[in-house]
Amino acid sequence: MRLEAKKYLYDVQQAASWIADFTAGKRFEDYRSSAMLRSAVERQFEIIGEARHNSPRLTKQ
């Protein structure tokens, strides 16, 4: 596996870990009522999506 692909996979792993940390012990109502929590979680999902979008191009080359 190329180094660039590994970097993207690391980004996915880190973002998923942050999501787990941000939401630990929280209820859906906590998520709904906190703009800061929503923004943090949604940003991590964006990072995962960006990494996923870019990683297939790296592995096929």
Foldseek 3Di string as FASTA:
>chain_A
DDPLLVVLVVLLVVLVVVLCVLCVPHDVVNCVVDPVSVVSNVVSVVSNVVSVVPNVVVVVD
